[in-house]
Amino acid sequence: MPELYRDPWAKREAWRKHPLFSMRYYARNMFPGLGLGATAFAIYLAYGMFKPQQPAHH
């Protein structure tokens, strides 16, 4: 592209196209601990289901 038609503001607008500012990045990193928390909760529920019941002392 000839120098005559280059956008003089391209460098100042380049940050908008950076992958860090995309909606996909925000959607993926909106809840950073959700996966770990859901996994820990599932393990907790599975342990509660398969653990042998102890008799009550009352």
Protein backbone atom coordinates (compact mmCIF):
# COMPACT_ATOMS: atom_id res chain seq x y z
CA MET A 1 0.00 0.00 0.00
CA PRO A 2 1.45 3.40 -0.88
CA GLU A 3 2.54 5.64 1.95
CA LEU A 4 -0.03 8.21 0.83
CA TYR A 5 -2.99 6.01 1.85
CA ARG A 6 -1.70 4.76 5.20
CA ASP A 7 -3.79 5.49 8.24
CA PRO A 8 -1.96 7.99 10.48
CA TRP A 9 -3.95 6.78 13.52
CA ALA A 10 -3.26 3.06 13.02
CA LYS A 11 -0.67 2.84 15.79
CA ARG A 12 -2.96 4.60 18.23
CA GLU A 13 -5.88 2.30 17.40
CA ALA A 14 -3.88 -0.96 17.35
CA TRP A 15 -4.58 -1.70 21.02
CA ARG A 16 -8.27 -2.20 20.22
CA LYS A 17 -7.43 -5.22 18.06
CA HIS A 18 -5.11 -6.83 20.61
CA PRO A 19 -6.37 -10.30 21.69
CA LEU A 20 -6.28 -9.27 25.34
CA PHE A 21 -9.19 -6.87 24.77
CA SER A 22 -11.45 -9.26 22.85
CA MET A 23 -14.83 -10.42 24.14
CA ARG A 24 -13.67 -14.04 23.90
CA TYR A 25 -10.84 -13.32 26.34
CA TYR A 26 -13.20 -11.59 28.77
CA ALA A 27 -15.77 -14.40 28.59
CA ARG A 28 -13.11 -17.03 29.22
CA ASN A 29 -11.52 -15.18 32.14
CA MET A 30 -14.62 -13.70 33.75
CA PHE A 31 -14.70 -16.27 36.54
CA PRO A 32 -11.10 -17.42 37.04
CA GLY A 33 -11.73 -19.96 39.82
CA LEU A 34 -15.04 -21.34 38.58
CA GLY A 35 -13.57 -24.48 36.99
CA LEU A 36 -11.48 -25.35 40.03
CA GLY A 37 -14.36 -24.65 42.40
CA ALA A 38 -16.83 -26.74 40.39
CA THR A 39 -14.36 -29.64 40.29
CA ALA A 40 -13.74 -29.47 44.04
CA PHE A 41 -17.49 -29.35 44.71
CA ALA A 42 -18.10 -32.37 42.45
CA ILE A 43 -15.42 -34.34 44.31
CA TYR A 44 -17.00 -33.33 47.62
CA LEU A 45 -20.43 -34.53 46.46
CA ALA A 46 -19.02 -37.80 45.10
CA TYR A 47 -17.21 -38.43 48.39
CA GLY A 48 -20.43 -37.83 50.31
CA MET A 49 -22.38 -40.25 48.12
CA PHE A 50 -19.91 -43.14 48.26
CA LYS A 51 -18.67 -42.76 51.84
CA PRO A 52 -20.13 -45.42 54.15
CA GLN A 53 -22.65 -44.01 56.60
CA GLN A 54 -21.62 -44.14 60.24
CA PRO A 55 -24.30 -44.95 62.81
CA ALA A 56 -25.62 -42.05 64.84
CA HIS A 57 -24.69 -41.92 68.51
CA HIS A 58 -27.98 -40.45 69.71
